Amino acid sequence: MNIRLISALCLLLVLPNVVLAADHIKTVFIEGDVKFEAHPDRKGAYIYIKPGINLAQFDRIAINAIEVFMHPDSPYKGVQPDDFKAITNTLRQVLVDNLEPTYPVVDKLGPDTLVLKMAITGVKLKEKKRGLLGYTPIGLAVSAGQDKVSSRVTLIDAAIEAEFYDAQSGERVAARVDETVDNEDAKSWSGMKLILDDYGKRIKAALDNAHAK
């Protein structure tokens, strides 16, 4: 694999282009036996890159709905499904805004399409103290899910798992696991939004770099 291709893929995975072999990594979202490699300076971050992959073949991207996996030891598990849906829709839109219009985000898969699957895993929440007026009446539309959840619970820990597939072959192109988001600024839904914004920028940069060859 040439140096420029390695650099492009490392941008895609939000990691520098120096990695070390890693032991087996436990995942709850990414399936199969993936040979991850660990970054020497970022504890808990691991990547996989398919040998010989050429990102220049991809002109469009399909982004699956972001999934959320609660940690079994989370102090609070009472977030409503509609709230999580509103949050993940917001996070997905951050990726879309970074990629379009250069790389259209599509629903129909084709030979030029890269598929991104992502999950926020190991989510631990802590309920905030609130008075009677802090409760949302039943039937109120969820128009600002992120703000609504943030007013009731604190995000105290989370991890990120992401993988990229060739839509035509179905083969995994790359994968990324952050076992814990240990940056204190990221331990909030707004912080998670900033992380996804960075993911989006780096995915676009990787595709730009590959197409510029």
Protein backbone atom coordinates (compact mmCIF):
# COMPACT_ATOMS: atom_id res chain seq x y z
CA MET A 1 0.00 0.00 0.00
CA ASN A 2 1.53 3.35 -0.96
CA ILE A 3 2.19 6.15 1.53
CA ARG A 4 -0.43 8.54 0.09
CA LEU A 5 -3.13 5.89 0.38
CA ILE A 6 -2.19 5.11 3.97
CA SER A 7 -2.36 8.82 4.81
CA ALA A 8 -5.80 9.15 3.21
CA LEU A 9 -7.20 6.23 5.14
CA CYS A 10 -5.77 7.45 8.40
CA LEU A 11 -7.52 10.77 7.80
CA LEU A 12 -10.71 8.83 7.21
CA LEU A 13 -10.32 7.15 10.56
CA VAL A 14 -9.30 10.32 12.39
CA LEU A 15 -5.89 8.95 13.29
CA PRO A 16 -2.28 9.71 12.37
CA ASN A 17 -0.55 7.29 9.99
CA VAL A 18 1.45 5.40 12.61
CA VAL A 19 -0.15 2.36 14.21
CA LEU A 20 0.89 -0.70 16.20
CA ALA A 21 -0.57 -4.20 16.30
CA ALA A 22 -3.39 -4.58 18.84
CA ASP A 23 -4.86 -7.48 20.74
CA HIS A 24 -8.46 -8.51 20.21
CA ILE A 25 -10.80 -5.56 20.71
CA LYS A 26 -14.26 -6.14 22.16
CA THR A 27 -17.04 -4.42 20.23
CA VAL A 28 -20.81 -4.37 20.63
CA PHE A 29 -21.62 -2.92 17.22
CA ILE A 30 -18.91 -4.02 14.79
CA GLU A 31 -19.29 -7.72 14.00
CA GLY A 32 -16.76 -10.31 12.92
CA ASP A 33 -13.08 -10.84 13.59
CA VAL A 34 -11.50 -7.49 12.74
CA LYS A 35 -7.72 -7.13 12.92
CA PHE A 36 -7.51 -3.75 14.60
CA GLU A 37 -4.30 -1.81 15.11
CA ALA A 38 -3.68 0.56 18.00
CA HIS A 39 -2.35 4.09 17.84
CA PRO A 40 0.68 4.42 20.16
CA ASP A 41 -0.28 7.86 21.52
CA ARG A 42 -4.05 7.54 21.83
CA LYS A 43 -5.12 5.07 24.46
CA GLY A 44 -8.27 3.17 23.60
CA ALA A 45 -8.31 4.10 19.88
CA TYR A 46 -8.04 1.35 17.25
CA ILE A 47 -8.33 1.14 13.46
CA TYR A 48 -8.58 -1.38 10.68
CA ILE A 49 -7.77 -0.64 7.01
CA LYS A 50 -8.42 -3.12 4.22
CA PRO A 51 -5.13 -3.75 2.38
CA GLY A 52 -5.02 -2.23 -1.10
CA ILE A 53 -8.25 -0.24 -0.86
CA ASN A 54 -8.53 2.77 -3.19
CA LEU A 55 -10.87 5.49 -1.94
CA ALA A 56 -10.92 7.18 -5.36
CA GLN A 57 -13.58 4.70 -6.48
CA PHE A 58 -16.11 6.31 -4.14
CA ASP A 59 -18.01 9.43 -5.21
CA ARG A 60 -21.05 9.12 -2.94
CA ILE A 61 -21.68 8.03 0.62
CA ALA A 62 -24.59 6.38 2.39
CA ILE A 63 -24.85 7.01 6.13
CA ASN A 64 -26.92 4.57 8.15
CA ALA A 65 -28.92 5.77 11.14
CA ILE A 66 -26.59 6.12 14.12
CA GLU A 67 -27.35 3.54 16.80
CA VAL A 68 -27.08 3.98 20.58
CA PHE A 69 -26.08 1.23 23.01
CA MET A 70 -26.60 1.88 26.71
CA HIS A 71 -24.01 0.53 29.13
CA PRO A 72 -25.56 -2.02 31.53
CA ASP A 73 -24.03 -0.12 34.47
CA SER A 74 -25.40 3.28 33.46
CA PRO A 75 -26.75 5.02 36.60
CA TYR A 76 -29.75 6.20 34.56
CA LYS A 77 -31.45 4.44 31.64
CA GLY A 78 -34.72 6.36 31.36
CA VAL A 79 -34.17 8.31 28.13
CA GLN A 80 -37.11 7.96 25.76
CA PRO A 81 -36.50 6.40 22.30
CA ASP A 82 -37.76 9.54 20.53
CA ASP A 83 -35.19 11.61 22.41
CA PHE A 84 -32.33 9.39 21.29
CA LYS A 85 -33.68 9.46 17.75
CA ALA A 86 -33.64 13.26 17.75
CA ILE A 87 -30.05 13.28 19.02
CA THR A 88 -28.74 10.73 16.51
CA ASN A 89 -30.54 12.50 13.65
CA THR A 90 -28.74 15.69 14.66
CA LEU A 91 -25.37 13.91 14.80
CA ARG A 92 -25.96 12.27 11.41
CA GLN A 93 -26.82 15.65 9.89
CA VAL A 94 -23.45 16.98 11.09
CA LEU A 95 -21.76 14.34 8.91
CA VAL A 96 -24.02 15.16 5.96
CA ASP A 97 -23.29 18.89 6.20
CA ASN A 98 -19.54 18.23 6.00
CA LEU A 99 -19.73 15.88 3.00
CA GLU A 100 -22.26 17.57 0.74
CA PRO A 101 -22.37 18.82 -1.94
CA THR A 102 -18.97 17.37 -2.94
CA TYR A 103 -19.94 13.84 -1.93
CA PRO A 104 -23.73 13.44 -2.05
CA VAL A 105 -25.24 11.47 0.81
CA VAL A 106 -27.59 8.96 -0.84
CA ASP A 107 -30.12 6.27 -0.02
CA LYS A 108 -29.66 4.25 -3.22
CA LEU A 109 -26.50 2.16 -3.22
CA GLY A 110 -24.25 1.82 -6.24
CA PRO A 111 -20.70 0.79 -7.25
CA ASP A 112 -19.39 4.26 -6.37
CA THR A 113 -20.92 4.37 -2.89
CA LEU A 114 -19.15 4.15 0.46
CA VAL A 115 -21.40 3.05 3.33
CA LEU A 116 -20.83 4.40 6.83
CA LYS A 117 -22.26 2.58 9.84
CA MET A 118 -21.78 4.15 13.26
CA ALA A 119 -22.83 3.65 16.86
CA ILE A 120 -22.42 5.46 20.15
CA THR A 121 -21.79 2.65 22.61
CA GLY A 122 -21.23 2.19 26.32
CA VAL A 123 -23.43 5.19 27.05
CA LYS A 124 -23.61 6.06 30.74
CA LEU A 125 -26.04 8.72 31.90
CA LYS A 126 -26.67 10.49 35.19
CA GLU A 127 -30.00 12.11 35.95
CA LYS A 128 -30.00 15.77 36.89
CA LYS A 129 -32.06 17.04 39.79
CA ARG A 130 -35.13 18.88 38.53
CA GLY A 131 -38.33 20.30 39.88
CA LEU A 132 -41.85 19.57 38.72
CA LEU A 133 -41.59 22.13 35.91
CA GLY A 134 -38.60 20.26 34.54
CA TYR A 135 -40.76 17.41 33.22
CA THR A 136 -41.96 17.45 29.62
CA PRO A 137 -45.75 17.05 29.23
CA ILE A 138 -46.87 13.90 27.41
CA GLY A 139 -47.56 14.58 23.74
CA LEU A 140 -45.16 17.50 23.37
CA ALA A 141 -43.39 17.20 20.00
CA VAL A 142 -39.68 16.44 20.06
CA SER A 143 -38.26 19.44 18.23
CA ALA A 144 -34.98 19.83 20.10
CA GLY A 145 -34.09 16.36 21.37
CA GLN A 146 -30.50 17.19 22.22
CA ASP A 147 -31.45 20.16 24.40
CA LYS A 148 -34.34 18.24 25.91
CA VAL A 149 -32.16 15.32 27.00
CA SER A 150 -29.30 17.58 28.14
CA SER A 151 -31.67 19.37 30.48
CA ARG A 152 -32.55 16.08 32.19
CA VAL A 153 -29.46 13.88 32.08
CA THR A 154 -25.68 14.23 31.96
CA LEU A 155 -23.58 12.12 29.61
CA ILE A 156 -20.79 10.73 31.81
CA ASP A 157 -19.19 8.23 29.43
CA ALA A 158 -19.50 6.88 25.89
CA ALA A 159 -17.54 5.14 23.14
CA ILE A 160 -17.71 5.33 19.35
CA GLU A 161 -17.64 2.49 16.82
CA ALA A 162 -17.64 3.17 13.08
CA GLU A 163 -17.12 1.06 9.98
CA PHE A 164 -17.04 1.72 6.24
CA TYR A 165 -18.25 -0.69 3.54
CA ASP A 166 -17.98 -0.91 -0.22
CA ALA A 167 -21.65 -0.83 -1.25
CA GLN A 168 -21.02 -2.99 -4.31
CA SER A 169 -18.92 -5.78 -2.83
CA GLY A 170 -20.22 -5.56 0.73
CA GLU A 171 -16.65 -5.77 1.99
CA ARG A 172 -15.51 -3.81 5.01
CA VAL A 173 -13.13 -1.05 3.89
CA ALA A 174 -12.15 0.34 7.28
CA ALA A 175 -13.22 0.47 10.92
CA ARG A 176 -12.59 2.64 13.94
CA VAL A 177 -13.18 2.07 17.66
CA ASP A 178 -12.75 4.55 20.49
CA GLU A 179 -13.22 2.45 23.62
CA THR A 180 -13.87 5.56 25.67
CA VAL A 181 -14.32 9.23 24.92
CA ASP A 182 -11.89 10.43 27.59
CA ASN A 183 -11.90 14.10 26.63
CA GLU A 184 -13.93 15.91 29.29
CA ASP A 185 -15.30 18.34 26.69
CA ALA A 186 -16.72 15.37 24.78
CA LYS A 187 -18.71 14.06 27.73
CA SER A 188 -21.83 15.86 26.62
CA TRP A 189 -24.16 15.65 23.63
CA SER A 190 -22.80 18.95 22.33
CA GLY A 191 -19.28 17.57 22.71
CA MET A 192 -20.28 14.44 20.80
CA LYS A 193 -21.57 16.74 18.06
CA LEU A 194 -18.12 18.34 17.82
CA ILE A 195 -16.52 14.90 17.52
CA LEU A 196 -18.86 13.94 14.67
CA ASP A 197 -18.12 17.28 13.00
CA ASP A 198 -14.43 16.36 13.06
CA TYR A 199 -15.22 12.89 11.68
CA GLY A 200 -17.12 14.47 8.80
CA LYS A 201 -14.30 16.86 7.95
CA ARG A 202 -11.71 14.09 7.96
CA ILE A 203 -13.83 11.72 5.87
CA LYS A 204 -14.15 14.46 3.24
CA ALA A 205 -10.42 15.21 3.42
CA ALA A 206 -9.60 11.53 2.87
CA LEU A 207 -11.87 11.32 -0.17
CA ASP A 208 -10.50 14.61 -1.54
CA ASN A 209 -6.96 13.33 -1.16
CA ALA A 210 -7.75 10.07 -2.95
CA HIS A 211 -9.50 11.82 -5.86
CA ALA A 212 -6.65 14.29 -6.28
CA LYS A 213 -4.18 11.57 -7.26
